């Protein structure tokens, strides 16, 4: 599985106390078997070092089935009390024979224009 995330700050929906970010996720099955996305696990860290863990079934109300070469794209959003921040995690996948594995989601930066680097 190859996971690519494209985050974007939404200044028109943000306030000084709460920054809103949209993100588009593209999941591509680069294996030779079909996989079903069962669940998601996110670790979200804000500029103050606070971590929020989000676990849940599927994504955007779906548990997509990805055949070999298949692609699933969805969009969602996240809010931070203090930006910049970062987000990453994994998807729990299940193969046709019941085997399970994790598709990693590399950490990505959530930053508004002018944010300083997050350590």
N, C-alpha and C. Protein backbone atom coordinates (compact mmCIF):
# COMPACT_ATOMS: atom_id res chain seq x y z
N UNK A 1 0.84 -1.18 0.00
CA UNK A 1 0.00 0.00 0.00
C UNK A 1 0.89 1.24 0.00
N UNK A 2 0.50 2.20 -0.79
CA UNK A 2 1.19 3.49 -0.80
C UNK A 2 0.17 4.54 -0.40
N UNK A 3 0.49 5.33 0.64
CA UNK A 3 -0.42 6.36 1.13
C UNK A 3 0.23 7.73 0.95
N UNK A 4 -0.50 8.63 0.32
CA UNK A 4 -0.02 10.00 0.10
C UNK A 4 -1.07 10.95 0.67
N UNK A 5 -0.61 11.98 1.43
CA UNK A 5 -1.52 12.94 2.04
C UNK A 5 -1.13 14.35 1.61
N UNK A 6 -2.13 15.14 1.24
CA UNK A 6 -1.92 16.53 0.85
C UNK A 6 -2.73 17.42 1.79
N UNK A 7 -2.08 18.02 2.81
CA UNK A 7 -2.79 18.88 3.76
C UNK A 7 -2.86 20.33 3.26
N UNK A 8 -3.88 21.05 3.73
CA UNK A 8 -4.04 22.46 3.37
C UNK A 8 -4.68 23.20 4.54
N UNK A 9 -4.09 24.34 4.91
CA UNK A 9 -4.66 25.18 5.96
C UNK A 9 -5.89 25.89 5.41
N UNK A 10 -6.92 26.02 6.25
CA UNK A 10 -8.15 26.71 5.86
C UNK A 10 -8.31 27.97 6.70
N UNK A 11 -7.66 29.08 6.32
CA UNK A 11 -7.71 30.29 7.15
C UNK A 11 -9.12 30.84 7.32
N UNK A 12 -9.98 30.67 6.32
CA UNK A 12 -11.34 31.21 6.42
C UNK A 12 -12.19 30.47 7.45
N UNK A 13 -11.78 29.27 7.85
CA UNK A 13 -12.50 28.48 8.85
C UNK A 13 -11.78 28.45 10.20
N UNK A 14 -10.63 29.13 10.27
CA UNK A 14 -9.79 29.10 11.47
C UNK A 14 -9.99 30.35 12.31
N UNK A 15 -9.66 30.22 13.59
CA UNK A 15 -9.62 31.35 14.52
C UNK A 15 -8.27 31.28 15.23
N UNK A 16 -7.88 32.33 15.96
CA UNK A 16 -6.60 32.24 16.68
C UNK A 16 -6.55 31.06 17.66
N UNK A 17 -7.69 30.63 18.19
CA UNK A 17 -7.73 29.53 19.16
C UNK A 17 -7.85 28.16 18.51
N UNK A 18 -8.21 28.10 17.25
CA UNK A 18 -8.44 26.82 16.59
C UNK A 18 -8.12 26.94 15.10
N UNK A 19 -7.10 26.20 14.69
CA UNK A 19 -6.69 26.19 13.29
C UNK A 19 -7.28 24.96 12.61
N UNK A 20 -7.85 25.16 11.43
CA UNK A 20 -8.51 24.08 10.71
C UNK A 20 -7.69 23.74 9.46
N UNK A 21 -7.51 22.45 9.26
CA UNK A 21 -6.76 21.94 8.11
C UNK A 21 -7.59 20.88 7.40
N UNK A 22 -7.64 20.97 6.09
CA UNK A 22 -8.24 19.91 5.27
C UNK A 22 -7.09 19.05 4.76
N UNK A 23 -7.38 17.80 4.47
CA UNK A 23 -6.36 16.95 3.86
C UNK A 23 -7.03 15.95 2.92
N UNK A 24 -6.32 15.66 1.84
CA UNK A 24 -6.77 14.68 0.86
C UNK A 24 -5.82 13.50 0.95
N UNK A 25 -6.37 12.31 1.09
CA UNK A 25 -5.58 11.08 1.20
C UNK A 25 -5.80 10.24 -0.06
N UNK A 26 -4.69 9.75 -0.60
CA UNK A 26 -4.73 8.85 -1.76
C UNK A 26 -4.07 7.55 -1.34
N UNK A 27 -4.84 6.46 -1.37
CA UNK A 27 -4.34 5.14 -1.00
C UNK A 27 -4.28 4.30 -2.28
N UNK A 28 -3.09 3.78 -2.56
CA UNK A 28 -2.90 2.99 -3.78
C UNK A 28 -2.40 1.60 -3.40
N UNK A 29 -3.09 0.59 -3.91
CA UNK A 29 -2.69 -0.80 -3.66
C UNK A 29 -1.64 -1.19 -4.70
N UNK A 30 -0.40 -1.29 -4.26
CA UNK A 30 0.69 -1.67 -5.16
C UNK A 30 1.06 -3.15 -5.01
N UNK A 31 0.19 -3.92 -4.39
CA UNK A 31 0.46 -5.35 -4.23
C UNK A 31 -0.32 -6.14 -5.28
N UNK A 32 -0.14 -7.47 -5.25
CA UNK A 32 -0.83 -8.31 -6.21
C UNK A 32 -2.07 -8.98 -5.64
N UNK A 33 -2.54 -8.49 -4.47
CA UNK A 33 -3.76 -9.04 -3.91
C UNK A 33 -4.69 -7.92 -3.46
N UNK A 34 -5.95 -8.28 -3.26
CA UNK A 34 -6.97 -7.32 -2.84
C UNK A 34 -6.90 -7.12 -1.33
N UNK A 35 -7.03 -5.86 -0.90
CA UNK A 35 -7.02 -5.51 0.52
C UNK A 35 -8.23 -4.66 0.86
N UNK A 36 -8.76 -4.86 2.06
CA UNK A 36 -9.87 -4.06 2.57
C UNK A 36 -9.36 -3.19 3.71
N UNK A 37 -9.69 -1.90 3.68
CA UNK A 37 -9.30 -0.99 4.76
C UNK A 37 -10.31 -1.16 5.90
N UNK A 38 -9.84 -1.72 7.02
CA UNK A 38 -10.73 -1.98 8.15
C UNK A 38 -10.84 -0.81 9.12
N UNK A 39 -9.69 -0.18 9.42
CA UNK A 39 -9.68 0.83 10.49
C UNK A 39 -8.55 1.82 10.25
N UNK A 40 -8.61 2.92 11.00
CA UNK A 40 -7.57 3.96 10.93
C UNK A 40 -7.04 4.25 12.32
N UNK A 41 -5.80 4.69 12.36
CA UNK A 41 -5.16 5.12 13.61
C UNK A 41 -4.35 6.37 13.29
N UNK A 42 -4.69 7.47 13.95
CA UNK A 42 -3.99 8.75 13.76
C UNK A 42 -3.38 9.21 15.07
N UNK A 43 -2.19 9.77 14.99
CA UNK A 43 -1.54 10.48 16.10
C UNK A 43 -1.42 11.92 15.64
N UNK A 44 -2.06 12.84 16.36
CA UNK A 44 -2.08 14.26 16.00
C UNK A 44 -1.40 15.03 17.12
N UNK A 45 -0.36 15.80 16.77
CA UNK A 45 0.42 16.54 17.75
C UNK A 45 0.34 18.03 17.41
N UNK A 46 0.00 18.86 18.40
CA UNK A 46 -0.05 20.30 18.14
C UNK A 46 1.25 20.97 18.56
N UNK A 47 1.33 22.29 18.39
CA UNK A 47 2.56 23.04 18.66
C UNK A 47 2.95 23.02 20.13
N UNK A 48 2.00 22.73 21.00
CA UNK A 48 2.30 22.65 22.44
C UNK A 48 2.71 21.25 22.87
N UNK A 49 2.78 20.33 21.91
CA UNK A 49 3.19 18.97 22.21
C UNK A 49 2.06 18.07 22.66
N UNK A 50 0.85 18.57 22.65
CA UNK A 50 -0.29 17.74 23.04
C UNK A 50 -0.60 16.75 21.93
N UNK A 51 -0.79 15.49 22.31
CA UNK A 51 -1.08 14.44 21.35
C UNK A 51 -2.50 13.94 21.51
N UNK A 52 -3.18 13.82 20.39
CA UNK A 52 -4.52 13.23 20.35
C UNK A 52 -4.44 12.00 19.47
N UNK A 53 -4.97 10.89 19.96
CA UNK A 53 -5.02 9.65 19.20
C UNK A 53 -6.45 9.43 18.73
N UNK A 54 -6.59 9.13 17.46
CA UNK A 54 -7.91 8.88 16.88
C UNK A 54 -7.89 7.49 16.26
N UNK A 55 -8.80 6.62 16.74
CA UNK A 55 -8.96 5.28 16.18
C UNK A 55 -10.41 5.13 15.76
N UNK A 56 -10.63 4.46 14.65
CA UNK A 56 -12.00 4.24 14.22
C UNK A 56 -12.08 3.28 13.06
N UNK A 57 -13.30 2.83 12.78
CA UNK A 57 -13.53 1.92 11.66
C UNK A 57 -13.44 2.68 10.36
N UNK A 58 -12.79 2.09 9.38
CA UNK A 58 -12.76 2.63 8.03
C UNK A 58 -12.33 4.08 7.94
N UNK A 59 -12.74 4.72 6.85
CA UNK A 59 -12.49 6.14 6.62
C UNK A 59 -13.75 6.74 6.00
N UNK A 60 -14.10 7.92 6.42
CA UNK A 60 -15.29 8.65 5.94
C UNK A 60 -16.50 7.73 5.76
N UNK A 61 -16.73 6.88 6.76
CA UNK A 61 -17.90 6.00 6.75
C UNK A 61 -17.81 4.82 5.81
N UNK A 62 -16.63 4.56 5.26
CA UNK A 62 -16.47 3.45 4.32
C UNK A 62 -15.33 2.54 4.75
N UNK A 63 -15.40 1.30 4.29
CA UNK A 63 -14.30 0.34 4.41
C UNK A 63 -13.98 -0.12 2.99
N UNK A 64 -13.24 0.73 2.26
CA UNK A 64 -13.03 0.45 0.83
C UNK A 64 -12.23 -0.82 0.57
N UNK A 65 -12.56 -1.47 -0.53
CA UNK A 65 -11.86 -2.66 -1.02
C UNK A 65 -10.96 -2.19 -2.15
N UNK A 66 -9.67 -2.49 -2.04
CA UNK A 66 -8.70 -2.06 -3.05
C UNK A 66 -8.11 -3.28 -3.76
N UNK A 67 -8.53 -3.52 -5.01
CA UNK A 67 -7.94 -4.60 -5.79
C UNK A 67 -6.52 -4.22 -6.20
N UNK A 68 -5.73 -5.16 -6.72
CA UNK A 68 -4.38 -4.81 -7.19
C UNK A 68 -4.45 -3.61 -8.15
N UNK A 69 -3.64 -2.61 -7.88
CA UNK A 69 -3.63 -1.40 -8.70
C UNK A 69 -4.74 -0.42 -8.36
N UNK A 70 -5.63 -0.79 -7.45
CA UNK A 70 -6.76 0.06 -7.08
C UNK A 70 -6.34 1.28 -6.28
N UNK A 71 -7.12 2.34 -6.41
CA UNK A 71 -6.86 3.59 -5.72
C UNK A 71 -8.14 4.05 -5.03
N UNK A 72 -8.00 4.54 -3.80
CA UNK A 72 -9.13 5.15 -3.08
C UNK A 72 -8.67 6.52 -2.60
N UNK A 73 -9.48 7.54 -2.89
CA UNK A 73 -9.15 8.92 -2.51
C UNK A 73 -10.29 9.46 -1.66
N UNK A 74 -9.95 10.11 -0.56
CA UNK A 74 -10.97 10.76 0.26
C UNK A 74 -10.39 12.02 0.88
N UNK A 75 -11.29 12.88 1.36
CA UNK A 75 -10.83 14.08 2.05
C UNK A 75 -11.49 14.17 3.41
N UNK A 76 -10.81 14.84 4.32
CA UNK A 76 -11.29 15.01 5.68
C UNK A 76 -10.67 16.29 6.24
N UNK A 77 -10.84 16.52 7.53
CA UNK A 77 -10.26 17.70 8.15
C UNK A 77 -9.86 17.41 9.58
N UNK A 78 -9.04 18.29 10.12
CA UNK A 78 -8.60 18.19 11.51
C UNK A 78 -8.44 19.60 12.06
N UNK A 79 -8.64 19.76 13.36
CA UNK A 79 -8.43 21.06 13.99
C UNK A 79 -7.31 20.95 15.02
N UNK A 80 -6.54 22.02 15.14
CA UNK A 80 -5.47 22.11 16.13
C UNK A 80 -5.71 23.32 17.01
N UNK A 81 -5.48 23.17 18.31
CA UNK A 81 -5.56 24.33 19.22
C UNK A 81 -4.38 25.26 19.00
N UNK A 82 -3.25 24.71 18.61
CA UNK A 82 -2.04 25.50 18.37
C UNK A 82 -1.29 24.90 17.19
N UNK A 83 -1.03 25.74 16.19
CA UNK A 83 -0.28 25.31 15.00
C UNK A 83 1.11 25.92 15.06
N UNK A 84 2.10 25.30 14.41
CA UNK A 84 1.98 24.14 13.54
C UNK A 84 1.86 22.84 14.33
N UNK A 85 1.52 21.81 13.61
CA UNK A 85 1.41 20.49 14.21
C UNK A 85 1.81 19.44 13.20
N UNK A 86 1.60 18.19 13.57
CA UNK A 86 1.87 17.10 12.64
C UNK A 86 0.89 15.96 12.90
N UNK A 87 0.78 15.11 11.91
CA UNK A 87 -0.20 14.04 11.96
C UNK A 87 0.37 12.85 11.19
N UNK A 88 0.14 11.66 11.67
CA UNK A 88 0.58 10.46 11.00
C UNK A 88 -0.10 9.26 11.64
N UNK A 89 0.15 8.08 11.12
CA UNK A 89 -0.47 6.89 11.71
C UNK A 89 -0.41 5.71 10.77
N UNK A 90 -1.53 4.97 10.71
CA UNK A 90 -1.59 3.81 9.83
C UNK A 90 -3.05 3.41 9.59
N UNK A 91 -3.23 2.64 8.52
CA UNK A 91 -4.51 1.99 8.25
C UNK A 91 -4.35 0.51 8.53
N UNK A 92 -5.34 -0.10 9.15
CA UNK A 92 -5.37 -1.55 9.35
C UNK A 92 -6.06 -2.16 8.14
N UNK A 93 -5.33 -3.02 7.44
CA UNK A 93 -5.83 -3.64 6.21
C UNK A 93 -6.03 -5.13 6.42
N UNK A 94 -6.96 -5.71 5.65
CA UNK A 94 -7.17 -7.16 5.70
C UNK A 94 -7.19 -7.71 4.28
N UNK A 95 -6.41 -8.78 4.09
CA UNK A 95 -6.33 -9.43 2.79
C UNK A 95 -7.47 -10.40 2.57
N UNK A 96 -7.54 -10.92 1.37
CA UNK A 96 -8.62 -11.84 0.97
C UNK A 96 -8.64 -13.12 1.81
N UNK A 97 -7.50 -13.51 2.38
CA UNK A 97 -7.42 -14.74 3.17
C UNK A 97 -7.49 -14.47 4.66
N UNK A 98 -7.85 -13.23 5.03
CA UNK A 98 -8.03 -12.89 6.44
C UNK A 98 -6.80 -12.35 7.13
N UNK A 99 -5.64 -12.37 6.44
CA UNK A 99 -4.44 -11.84 7.06
C UNK A 99 -4.55 -10.32 7.20
N UNK A 100 -3.94 -9.77 8.25
CA UNK A 100 -4.00 -8.33 8.49
C UNK A 100 -2.62 -7.71 8.45
N UNK A 101 -2.58 -6.46 8.10
CA UNK A 101 -1.33 -5.71 8.05
C UNK A 101 -1.62 -4.23 8.20
N UNK A 102 -0.56 -3.48 8.43
CA UNK A 102 -0.68 -2.04 8.58
C UNK A 102 -0.10 -1.33 7.37
N UNK A 103 -0.82 -0.34 6.88
CA UNK A 103 -0.32 0.54 5.82
C UNK A 103 0.08 1.84 6.51
N UNK A 104 1.37 2.13 6.62
CA UNK A 104 1.80 3.31 7.35
C UNK A 104 1.42 4.61 6.65
N UNK A 105 1.11 5.61 7.45
CA UNK A 105 0.87 6.97 6.96
C UNK A 105 1.99 7.82 7.52
N UNK A 106 2.94 8.19 6.67
CA UNK A 106 4.10 8.97 7.12
C UNK A 106 3.63 10.29 7.74
N UNK A 107 4.27 10.72 8.83
CA UNK A 107 3.89 12.00 9.44
C UNK A 107 3.99 13.14 8.43
N UNK A 108 3.00 14.03 8.50
CA UNK A 108 3.01 15.21 7.64
C UNK A 108 2.71 16.44 8.48
N UNK A 109 3.16 17.58 8.00
CA UNK A 109 3.10 18.84 8.74
C UNK A 109 1.77 19.55 8.50
N UNK A 110 1.21 20.10 9.57
CA UNK A 110 0.02 20.93 9.51
C UNK A 110 0.44 22.33 9.91
N UNK A 111 0.56 23.22 8.93
CA UNK A 111 1.08 24.55 9.21
C UNK A 111 0.32 25.61 8.44
N UNK A 112 0.12 26.75 9.10
CA UNK A 112 -0.48 27.92 8.47
C UNK A 112 0.66 28.79 7.97
N UNK A 113 0.37 29.70 7.07
CA UNK A 113 1.39 30.62 6.57
C UNK A 113 2.02 31.35 7.76
N UNK A 114 3.35 31.38 7.80
CA UNK A 114 4.06 32.07 8.88
C UNK A 114 4.32 31.26 10.12
N UNK A 115 3.82 30.01 10.19
CA UNK A 115 4.12 29.17 11.35
C UNK A 115 5.60 28.84 11.39
N UNK A 116 6.15 28.79 12.59
CA UNK A 116 7.53 28.37 12.76
C UNK A 116 7.60 26.86 12.75
N UNK A 117 8.78 26.33 12.57
CA UNK A 117 8.95 24.87 12.50
C UNK A 117 8.57 24.20 13.78
N UNK A 118 8.00 23.03 13.67
CA UNK A 118 7.66 22.19 14.81
C UNK A 118 8.79 21.19 15.01
N UNK A 119 9.30 21.10 16.21
CA UNK A 119 10.40 20.15 16.49
C UNK A 119 9.88 18.74 16.58
